[in-house]
Amino acid sequence: QVQLVESGGGLVQAGGSLRLSCAASGRSFSSYAMAMGWFRQAPGKEREFAAAIRWSDANTYYADSVKGRFTISRDNAKNTVYLQMNSLKPEDTAVYYCAAVYGYYTGPYYDRTSYDYWGPGTQVTVSS
């Protein structure tokens, strides 16, 4: 089994920044994890892709809505993935979820149905 725990959410004014963290543990994470992603879900909306990183080579993928403002990164030694969010907008308000893909997988990394494990989520609220 794999456990993912997000942290770093909170309330911030528009234009501000937050950094989310997702710590992974269990089931030989570093041996089998193929990619980690961040998804978000606003009230009344579907869960949508924000960013992903391929574990082997740190290739990154972003939704158009966050490209240029968000940066995903990983720390192999800590089995942790980060999401640095800058220039935040009220429309970025959502619960942010960390997710992991296990086993052989080549994408697409925006497909939430391909992710095997999910964290409980962390709330991000951006005030105008």
Foldseek 3Di string as FASTA:
>chain_A
DKAKAKDWADEEAAQAKIKMKIFMDDDPCLVWWQKKFKWWDDPPGDIWGAKMAGNPPRDIDGDPVQPPFWDWDDDSVRNMIMIIGGRDDQVVWTWMKMFTATHDDDDDPGDPVRTDDIHPTDTHGYHD
